[in-house]
């Protein structure tokens, strides 16, 4: 399918920022620290990161799969809706993904913080744990190592990627073209979008809740879920006013 103007512009912008991010040294004032989404308690956090994180990627594989999915599904939406509505949808889904991911992390962080406070850990001691990663021996055994590791990870590790916005696009595509056939690179069996997309989201939700991921670590599963939820809500809101033009799409393969 021919790339639409908005999708093409998003891909170019992501590619340019990816190149510059990996050329400019990652100093405290470097692009990664400025534009990746940090936890609100971290000194690097800035409100604009809710948007700019959508244009940051950690590896060639990361940006490739996100842009491949965007090119596969985004153009169909833009040709149907027009440039303005598509970009509005894309950015709202991406911002929503950032917000939901941050809220989930805030809940997890607060849960451990309050548990540490109940164990008579002072705010200074908790901050020292966050700054150094060293665990007070009194705490070991009362909270699991996994909980404490996640506590420190949330505080220090930013999230990057267009995945949340792309998941919103994927959900919209599935609603508009439920019988389009989709398949994964490592599972090349075409499945209708109305089954494929809910299955993919269930897998993300399972991984987000349990921490077990078939696709490896370092994936912001709740950002995916957040983008999908916002995308679904926007589709429900826009359904009656969306253009009535239709398109026929038989299959889209190799989604990751």
C-alpha atoms as a PDB file:
ATOM      1  CA  UNK A   1       0.000   0.000   0.000  1.00  0.00           C
ATOM      2  CA  UNK A   2       1.185   3.525  -0.831  1.00  0.00           C
ATOM      3  CA  UNK A   3       2.327   5.533   2.202  1.00  0.00           C
ATOM      4  CA  UNK A   4       0.125   8.472   3.178  1.00  0.00           C
ATOM      5  CA  UNK A   5       1.601  11.919   3.834  1.00  0.00           C
ATOM      6  CA  UNK A   6       1.208  11.840   7.625  1.00  0.00           C
ATOM      7  CA  UNK A   7       2.618   8.345   8.001  1.00  0.00           C
ATOM      8  CA  UNK A   8       5.563   9.238   5.779  1.00  0.00           C
ATOM      9  CA  UNK A   9       6.269  12.372   7.865  1.00  0.00           C
ATOM     10  CA  UNK A  10       6.118  10.382  11.126  1.00  0.00           C
ATOM     11  CA  UNK A  11       8.520   7.770   9.813  1.00  0.00           C
ATOM     12  CA  UNK A  12      10.987  10.418   8.627  1.00  0.00           C
ATOM     13  CA  UNK A  13      10.795  12.290  11.952  1.00  0.00           C
ATOM     14  CA  UNK A  14      11.372   9.087  13.921  1.00  0.00           C
ATOM     15  CA  UNK A  15      14.300   8.120  11.692  1.00  0.00           C
ATOM     16  CA  UNK A  16      15.968  11.535  12.020  1.00  0.00           C
ATOM     17  CA  UNK A  17      15.644  11.590  15.802  1.00  0.00           C
ATOM     18  CA  UNK A  18      16.879   8.011  16.034  1.00  0.00           C
ATOM     19  CA  UNK A  19      20.039   8.929  14.137  1.00  0.00           C
ATOM     20  CA  UNK A  20      20.666  12.066  16.183  1.00  0.00           C
ATOM     21  CA  UNK A  21      19.956  10.278  19.474  1.00  0.00           C
ATOM     22  CA  UNK A  22      22.641   7.712  18.735  1.00  0.00           C
ATOM     23  CA  UNK A  23      25.159  10.260  17.439  1.00  0.00           C
ATOM     24  CA  UNK A  24      24.989  12.837  20.224  1.00  0.00           C
ATOM     25  CA  UNK A  25      26.645  11.621  23.474  1.00  0.00           C
ATOM     26  CA  UNK A  26      24.121  10.783  26.199  1.00  0.00           C
ATOM     27  CA  UNK A  27      25.144  13.566  28.572  1.00  0.00           C
ATOM     28  CA  UNK A  28      22.726  14.805  31.285  1.00  0.00           C
ATOM     29  CA  UNK A  29      21.617  17.410  28.755  1.00  0.00           C
ATOM     30  CA  UNK A  30      21.637  14.937  25.831  1.00  0.00           C
ATOM     31  CA  UNK A  31      18.602  14.149  23.683  1.00  0.00           C
ATOM     32  CA  UNK A  32      17.794  10.858  25.390  1.00  0.00           C
ATOM     33  CA  UNK A  33      17.622  12.494  28.815  1.00  0.00           C
ATOM     34  CA  UNK A  34      15.525  15.334  27.431  1.00  0.00           C
ATOM     35  CA  UNK A  35      13.031  13.389  25.342  1.00  0.00           C
ATOM     36  CA  UNK A  36      12.654   9.859  26.801  1.00  0.00           C
ATOM     37  CA  UNK A  37       9.820   9.510  29.349  1.00  0.00           C
ATOM     38  CA  UNK A  38      11.122   9.326  32.927  1.00  0.00           C
ATOM     39  CA  UNK A  39       9.248   8.556  36.116  1.00  0.00           C
ATOM     40  CA  UNK A  40       7.777  11.781  37.574  1.00  0.00           C
ATOM     41  CA  UNK A  41       9.882  11.459  40.748  1.00  0.00           C
ATOM     42  CA  UNK A  42      13.103  11.421  38.727  1.00  0.00           C
ATOM     43  CA  UNK A  43      15.002  14.694  38.258  1.00  0.00           C
ATOM     44  CA  UNK A  44      15.070  14.137  34.491  1.00  0.00           C
ATOM     45  CA  UNK A  45      11.280  14.060  34.175  1.00  0.00           C
ATOM     46  CA  UNK A  46       9.643  16.782  32.080  1.00  0.00           C
ATOM     47  CA  UNK A  47       5.993  17.046  31.009  1.00  0.00           C
ATOM     48  CA  UNK A  48       6.867  17.256  27.312  1.00  0.00           C
ATOM     49  CA  UNK A  49       8.323  13.753  27.490  1.00  0.00           C
ATOM     50  CA  UNK A  50       4.756  12.404  27.305  1.00  0.00           C
ATOM     51  CA  UNK A  51       4.928  13.412  23.625  1.00  0.00           C
ATOM     52  CA  UNK A  52       8.603  13.305  22.711  1.00  0.00           C
ATOM     53  CA  UNK A  53       9.049   9.724  23.903  1.00  0.00           C
ATOM     54  CA  UNK A  54       6.993   8.675  20.848  1.00  0.00           C
ATOM     55  CA  UNK A  55       9.906   9.719  18.646  1.00  0.00           C
ATOM     56  CA  UNK A  56      12.664   7.976  20.614  1.00  0.00           C
ATOM     57  CA  UNK A  57      13.785   4.388  20.076  1.00  0.00           C
ATOM     58  CA  UNK A  58      16.413   2.242  21.729  1.00  0.00           C
ATOM     59  CA  UNK A  59      17.603   0.070  18.843  1.00  0.00           C
ATOM     60  CA  UNK A  60      17.347  -0.487  15.105  1.00  0.00           C
ATOM     61  CA  UNK A  61      14.999  -3.433  15.663  1.00  0.00           C
ATOM     62  CA  UNK A  62      12.795  -1.313  17.928  1.00  0.00           C
ATOM     63  CA  UNK A  63      12.317   1.499  15.419  1.00  0.00           C
ATOM     64  CA  UNK A  64      12.055  -0.900  12.475  1.00  0.00           C
ATOM     65  CA  UNK A  65       9.140  -2.891  13.886  1.00  0.00           C
ATOM     66  CA  UNK A  66       7.289   0.209  15.100  1.00  0.00           C
ATOM     67  CA  UNK A  67       7.660   1.989  11.772  1.00  0.00           C
ATOM     68  CA  UNK A  68       6.816  -1.175   9.865  1.00  0.00           C
ATOM     69  CA  UNK A  69       3.556  -1.507  11.805  1.00  0.00           C
ATOM     70  CA  UNK A  70       2.810   2.200  11.365  1.00  0.00           C
ATOM     71  CA  UNK A  71       3.351   1.975   7.608  1.00  0.00           C
ATOM     72  CA  UNK A  72       1.262  -1.211   7.394  1.00  0.00           C
ATOM     73  CA  UNK A  73      -1.812   0.123   9.195  1.00  0.00           C
ATOM     74  CA  UNK A  74      -1.540   3.896   9.508  1.00  0.00           C
ATOM     75  CA  UNK A  75      -1.945   4.769   5.842  1.00  0.00           C
ATOM     76  CA  UNK A  76      -5.268   2.913   5.614  1.00  0.00           C
ATOM     77  CA  UNK A  77      -6.597   5.072   8.474  1.00  0.00           C
ATOM     78  CA  UNK A  78      -5.209   8.322   7.072  1.00  0.00           C
ATOM     79  CA  UNK A  79      -6.645   7.694   3.597  1.00  0.00           C
ATOM     80  CA  UNK A  80     -10.017   7.059   5.228  1.00  0.00           C
ATOM     81  CA  UNK A  81      -9.977   9.893   7.785  1.00  0.00           C
ATOM     82  CA  UNK A  82      -7.702  12.529   6.319  1.00  0.00           C
ATOM     83  CA  UNK A  83      -4.418  13.907   7.636  1.00  0.00           C
ATOM     84  CA  UNK A  84      -5.736  16.047  10.504  1.00  0.00           C
ATOM     85  CA  UNK A  85      -7.904  13.383  12.105  1.00  0.00           C
ATOM     86  CA  UNK A  86      -5.258  10.702  11.706  1.00  0.00           C
ATOM     87  CA  UNK A  87      -2.534  12.777  13.364  1.00  0.00           C
ATOM     88  CA  UNK A  88      -4.943  13.795  16.141  1.00  0.00           C
ATOM     89  CA  UNK A  89      -5.732  10.130  16.748  1.00  0.00           C
ATOM     90  CA  UNK A  90      -2.072   9.104  16.638  1.00  0.00           C
ATOM     91  CA  UNK A  91      -0.894  11.711  19.137  1.00  0.00           C
ATOM     92  CA  UNK A  92      -3.825  11.222  21.508  1.00  0.00           C
ATOM     93  CA  UNK A  93      -3.199   7.465  21.549  1.00  0.00           C
ATOM     94  CA  UNK A  94       0.503   8.046  22.165  1.00  0.00           C
ATOM     95  CA  UNK A  95      -0.037  10.590  24.941  1.00  0.00           C
ATOM     96  CA  UNK A  96      -2.666   8.334  26.500  1.00  0.00           C
ATOM     97  CA  UNK A  97      -0.202   5.448  26.422  1.00  0.00           C
ATOM     98  CA  UNK A  98       2.379   7.598  28.230  1.00  0.00           C
ATOM     99  CA  UNK A  99      -0.142   8.653  30.874  1.00  0.00           C
ATOM    100  CA  UNK A 100      -1.448   5.155  31.556  1.00  0.00           C
ATOM    101  CA  UNK A 101       2.066   3.692  31.673  1.00  0.00           C
ATOM    102  CA  UNK A 102       3.093   6.428  34.133  1.00  0.00           C
ATOM    103  CA  UNK A 103       0.013   5.886  36.317  1.00  0.00           C
ATOM    104  CA  UNK A 104       0.645   2.132  36.492  1.00  0.00           C
ATOM    105  CA  UNK A 105       4.278   2.772  37.438  1.00  0.00           C
ATOM    106  CA  UNK A 106       3.216   5.332  40.043  1.00  0.00           C
ATOM    107  CA  UNK A 107       0.889   2.764  41.618  1.00  0.00           C
ATOM    108  CA  UNK A 108       3.640   0.101  41.706  1.00  0.00           C
ATOM    109  CA  UNK A 109       6.175   2.592  43.070  1.00  0.00           C
ATOM    110  CA  UNK A 110       3.848   3.865  45.799  1.00  0.00           C
ATOM    111  CA  UNK A 111       3.032   0.318  46.863  1.00  0.00           C
ATOM    112  CA  UNK A 112       6.699  -0.464  47.600  1.00  0.00           C
ATOM    113  CA  UNK A 113       7.400   2.994  49.032  1.00  0.00           C
ATOM    114  CA  UNK A 114       4.562   2.614  51.551  1.00  0.00           C
ATOM    115  CA  UNK A 115       5.732  -0.898  52.443  1.00  0.00           C
ATOM    116  CA  UNK A 116       9.228   0.451  53.106  1.00  0.00           C
ATOM    117  CA  UNK A 117       7.779   3.227  55.250  1.00  0.00           C
ATOM    118  CA  UNK A 118       5.891   0.639  57.312  1.00  0.00           C
ATOM    119  CA  UNK A 119       9.206  -1.139  57.826  1.00  0.00           C
ATOM    120  CA  UNK A 120      10.451   2.100  59.434  1.00  0.00           C
ATOM    121  CA  UNK A 121      12.617   3.101  56.508  1.00  0.00           C
ATOM    122  CA  UNK A 122      12.969   6.893  56.575  1.00  0.00           C
ATOM    123  CA  UNK A 123      12.449   8.983  53.413  1.00  0.00           C
ATOM    124  CA  UNK A 124      16.225   9.585  53.381  1.00  0.00           C
ATOM    125  CA  UNK A 125      16.925   5.838  53.564  1.00  0.00           C
ATOM    126  CA  UNK A 126      14.451   5.142  50.764  1.00  0.00           C
ATOM    127  CA  UNK A 127      16.019   7.836  48.605  1.00  0.00           C
ATOM    128  CA  UNK A 128      19.449   6.360  49.321  1.00  0.00           C
ATOM    129  CA  UNK A 129      18.132   3.006  48.110  1.00  0.00           C
ATOM    130  CA  UNK A 130      16.932   4.657  44.913  1.00  0.00           C
ATOM    131  CA  UNK A 131      20.198   6.540  44.420  1.00  0.00           C
ATOM    132  CA  UNK A 132      22.569   3.663  45.125  1.00  0.00           C
ATOM    133  CA  UNK A 133      20.538   0.491  44.629  1.00  0.00           C
ATOM    134  CA  UNK A 134      21.893  -0.848  47.935  1.00  0.00           C
ATOM    135  CA  UNK A 135      19.291  -2.606  50.071  1.00  0.00           C
ATOM    136  CA  UNK A 136      19.177  -2.312  53.862  1.00  0.00           C
ATOM    137  CA  UNK A 137      19.704  -5.851  55.293  1.00  0.00           C
ATOM    138  CA  UNK A 138      16.690  -5.307  57.554  1.00  0.00           C
ATOM    139  CA  UNK A 139      14.469  -5.049  54.502  1.00  0.00           C
ATOM    140  CA  UNK A 140      15.677  -8.238  52.852  1.00  0.00           C
ATOM    141  CA  UNK A 141      13.141 -10.981  53.427  1.00  0.00           C
ATOM    142  CA  UNK A 142      10.332  -8.541  54.205  1.00  0.00           C
ATOM    143  CA  UNK A 143      10.090  -7.403  50.601  1.00  0.00           C
ATOM    144  CA  UNK A 144      11.152  -9.583  47.699  1.00  0.00           C
ATOM    145  CA  UNK A 145      14.240  -8.801  45.690  1.00  0.00           C
ATOM    146  CA  UNK A 146      12.015  -8.593  42.607  1.00  0.00           C
ATOM    147  CA  UNK A 147       9.869  -5.894  44.243  1.00  0.00           C
ATOM    148  CA  UNK A 148      12.892  -3.832  45.238  1.00  0.00           C
ATOM    149  CA  UNK A 149      14.543  -4.261  41.835  1.00  0.00           C
ATOM    150  CA  UNK A 150      11.346  -3.117  40.115  1.00  0.00           C
ATOM    151  CA  UNK A 151      11.107  -0.174  42.546  1.00  0.00           C
ATOM    152  CA  UNK A 152      14.578   1.044  41.537  1.00  0.00           C
ATOM    153  CA  UNK A 153      13.982   0.282  37.843  1.00  0.00           C
ATOM    154  CA  UNK A 154      10.801   2.368  37.741  1.00  0.00           C
ATOM    155  CA  UNK A 155      12.615   5.321  39.256  1.00  0.00           C
ATOM    156  CA  UNK A 156      15.637   5.241  36.949  1.00  0.00           C
ATOM    157  CA  UNK A 157      14.638   3.666  33.638  1.00  0.00           C
ATOM    158  CA  UNK A 158      12.880   5.785  31.005  1.00  0.00           C
ATOM    159  CA  UNK A 159      10.524   4.410  28.383  1.00  0.00           C
ATOM    160  CA  UNK A 160      10.895   5.142  24.685  1.00  0.00           C
ATOM    161  CA  UNK A 161       9.081   4.243  21.509  1.00  0.00           C
ATOM    162  CA  UNK A 162       6.039   4.822  19.351  1.00  0.00           C
ATOM    163  CA  UNK A 163       4.502   1.488  20.383  1.00  0.00           C
ATOM    164  CA  UNK A 164       1.642   3.033  22.384  1.00  0.00           C
ATOM    165  CA  UNK A 165       0.514   5.186  19.463  1.00  0.00           C
ATOM    166  CA  UNK A 166       1.011   2.265  17.058  1.00  0.00           C
ATOM    167  CA  UNK A 167      -1.167   0.027  19.237  1.00  0.00           C
ATOM    168  CA  UNK A 168      -3.879   2.676  19.062  1.00  0.00           C
ATOM    169  CA  UNK A 169      -3.571   2.610  15.266  1.00  0.00           C
ATOM    170  CA  UNK A 170      -3.714  -1.190  15.315  1.00  0.00           C
ATOM    171  CA  UNK A 171      -6.932  -1.185  17.357  1.00  0.00           C
ATOM    172  CA  UNK A 172      -8.538   1.381  15.035  1.00  0.00           C
ATOM    173  CA  UNK A 173      -7.542  -0.713  12.021  1.00  0.00           C
ATOM    174  CA  UNK A 174      -9.058  -3.803  13.618  1.00  0.00           C
ATOM    175  CA  UNK A 175     -12.350  -2.017  14.277  1.00  0.00           C
ATOM    176  CA  UNK A 176     -12.590  -0.631  10.743  1.00  0.00           C
ATOM    177  CA  UNK A 177     -11.302  -3.741   8.959  1.00  0.00           C
ATOM    178  CA  UNK A 178     -12.141  -6.674  11.269  1.00  0.00           C
ATOM    179  CA  UNK A 179     -11.797  -9.324   8.559  1.00  0.00           C
ATOM    180  CA  UNK A 180      -8.392  -8.221   7.280  1.00  0.00           C
ATOM    181  CA  UNK A 181      -5.883 -11.031   7.699  1.00  0.00           C
ATOM    182  CA  UNK A 182      -2.830 -10.335   9.898  1.00  0.00           C
ATOM    183  CA  UNK A 183       0.172 -12.458  10.833  1.00  0.00           C
ATOM    184  CA  UNK A 184       3.415 -12.235  12.798  1.00  0.00           C
ATOM    185  CA  UNK A 185       6.870 -12.744  11.325  1.00  0.00           C
ATOM    186  CA  UNK A 186       7.468 -15.720  13.628  1.00  0.00           C
ATOM    187  CA  UNK A 187       3.873 -16.978  13.282  1.00  0.00           C
ATOM    188  CA  UNK A 188       3.084 -16.578   9.560  1.00  0.00           C
ATOM    189  CA  UNK A 189      -0.467 -17.877   9.747  1.00  0.00           C
ATOM    190  CA  UNK A 190      -3.039 -15.262   8.641  1.00  0.00           C
ATOM    191  CA  UNK A 191      -5.662 -14.552  11.306  1.00  0.00           C
ATOM    192  CA  UNK A 192      -8.586 -12.104  11.048  1.00  0.00           C
ATOM    193  CA  UNK A 193      -7.893  -8.794  12.770  1.00  0.00           C
ATOM    194  CA  UNK A 194     -10.958  -9.204  15.014  1.00  0.00           C
ATOM    195  CA  UNK A 195      -9.248 -12.227  16.611  1.00  0.00           C
ATOM    196  CA  UNK A 196      -5.591 -11.349  16.122  1.00  0.00           C
ATOM    197  CA  UNK A 197      -5.613  -7.943  17.822  1.00  0.00           C
ATOM    198  CA  UNK A 198      -7.528  -8.964  21.001  1.00  0.00           C
ATOM    199  CA  UNK A 199      -5.182 -11.953  21.286  1.00  0.00           C
ATOM    200  CA  UNK A 200      -2.133  -9.701  21.019  1.00  0.00           C
ATOM    201  CA  UNK A 201      -3.552  -7.370  23.671  1.00  0.00           C
ATOM    202  CA  UNK A 202      -4.304 -10.266  26.020  1.00  0.00           C
ATOM    203  CA  UNK A 203      -0.704 -11.404  25.637  1.00  0.00           C
ATOM    204  CA  UNK A 204       0.521  -7.883  26.500  1.00  0.00           C
ATOM    205  CA  UNK A 205      -1.773  -7.707  29.520  1.00  0.00           C
ATOM    206  CA  UNK A 206      -0.593 -11.111  30.730  1.00  0.00           C
ATOM    207  CA  UNK A 207       3.051 -10.060  30.342  1.00  0.00           C
ATOM    208  CA  UNK A 208       2.445  -6.724  32.072  1.00  0.00           C
ATOM    209  CA  UNK A 209       0.775  -8.346  35.081  1.00  0.00           C
ATOM    210  CA  UNK A 210       3.035 -11.387  35.480  1.00  0.00           C
ATOM    211  CA  UNK A 211       6.329  -9.986  34.203  1.00  0.00           C
ATOM    212  CA  UNK A 212       6.722 -13.000  31.894  1.00  0.00           C
ATOM    213  CA  UNK A 213       7.195 -11.977  28.267  1.00  0.00           C
ATOM    214  CA  UNK A 214       7.529 -14.162  25.189  1.00  0.00           C
ATOM    215  CA  UNK A 215       9.224 -11.259  23.416  1.00  0.00           C
ATOM    216  CA  UNK A 216      11.963 -10.676  25.994  1.00  0.00           C
ATOM    217  CA  UNK A 217      12.482  -8.060  28.690  1.00  0.00           C
ATOM    218  CA  UNK A 218      12.480  -4.287  28.512  1.00  0.00           C
ATOM    219  CA  UNK A 219       9.037  -4.019  26.909  1.00  0.00           C
ATOM    220  CA  UNK A 220       6.576  -1.433  28.230  1.00  0.00           C
ATOM    221  CA  UNK A 221       3.499  -3.655  28.062  1.00  0.00           C
ATOM    222  CA  UNK A 222       1.245  -1.184  29.862  1.00  0.00           C
ATOM    223  CA  UNK A 223       2.169   1.514  27.340  1.00  0.00           C
ATOM    224  CA  UNK A 224       0.887  -0.867  24.650  1.00  0.00           C
ATOM    225  CA  UNK A 225      -2.295  -1.469  26.629  1.00  0.00           C
ATOM    226  CA  UNK A 226      -2.677   2.263  27.280  1.00  0.00           C
ATOM    227  CA  UNK A 227      -2.435   3.154  23.598  1.00  0.00           C
ATOM    228  CA  UNK A 228      -4.914   0.404  22.723  1.00  0.00           C
ATOM    229  CA  UNK A 229      -7.402   1.590  25.356  1.00  0.00           C
ATOM    230  CA  UNK A 230      -7.219   5.221  24.192  1.00  0.00           C
ATOM    231  CA  UNK A 231      -7.486   4.106  20.579  1.00  0.00           C
ATOM    232  CA  UNK A 232     -10.605   2.073  21.370  1.00  0.00           C
ATOM    233  CA  UNK A 233     -12.228   4.935  23.288  1.00  0.00           C
ATOM    234  CA  UNK A 234     -11.505   7.381  20.469  1.00  0.00           C
ATOM    235  CA  UNK A 235     -13.018   4.983  17.939  1.00  0.00           C
ATOM    236  CA  UNK A 236     -16.170   4.685  20.022  1.00  0.00           C
ATOM    237  CA  UNK A 237     -16.358   8.482  20.274  1.00  0.00           C
ATOM    238  CA  UNK A 238     -15.698   9.089  16.570  1.00  0.00           C
ATOM    239  CA  UNK A 239     -17.611   6.157  15.152  1.00  0.00           C
ATOM    240  CA  UNK A 240     -20.742   8.109  14.277  1.00  0.00           C
ATOM    241  CA  UNK A 241     -18.906  11.050  12.737  1.00  0.00           C
ATOM    242  CA  UNK A 242     -16.191   9.155  10.856  1.00  0.00           C
ATOM    243  CA  UNK A 243     -16.314   9.406   7.047  1.00  0.00           C
ATOM    244  CA  UNK A 244     -18.418   6.669   5.522  1.00  0.00           C
ATOM    245  CA  UNK A 245     -15.930   5.859   2.790  1.00  0.00           C
ATOM    246  CA  UNK A 246     -14.876   2.228   2.784  1.00  0.00           C
ATOM    247  CA  UNK A 247     -11.811   0.422   1.632  1.00  0.00           C
ATOM    248  CA  UNK A 248     -11.143  -3.174   0.853  1.00  0.00           C
ATOM    249  CA  UNK A 249      -8.048  -4.698   2.397  1.00  0.00           C
ATOM    250  CA  UNK A 250      -7.493  -8.409   2.029  1.00  0.00           C
ATOM    251  CA  UNK A 251      -4.412  -9.044   4.096  1.00  0.00           C
ATOM    252  CA  UNK A 252      -1.522  -7.503   5.967  1.00  0.00           C
ATOM    253  CA  UNK A 253       1.398  -9.734   6.888  1.00  0.00           C
ATOM    254  CA  UNK A 254       4.464  -9.664   9.094  1.00  0.00           C
ATOM    255  CA  UNK A 255       3.235  -7.519  11.962  1.00  0.00           C
ATOM    256  CA  UNK A 256       5.504  -7.309  14.970  1.00  0.00           C
END
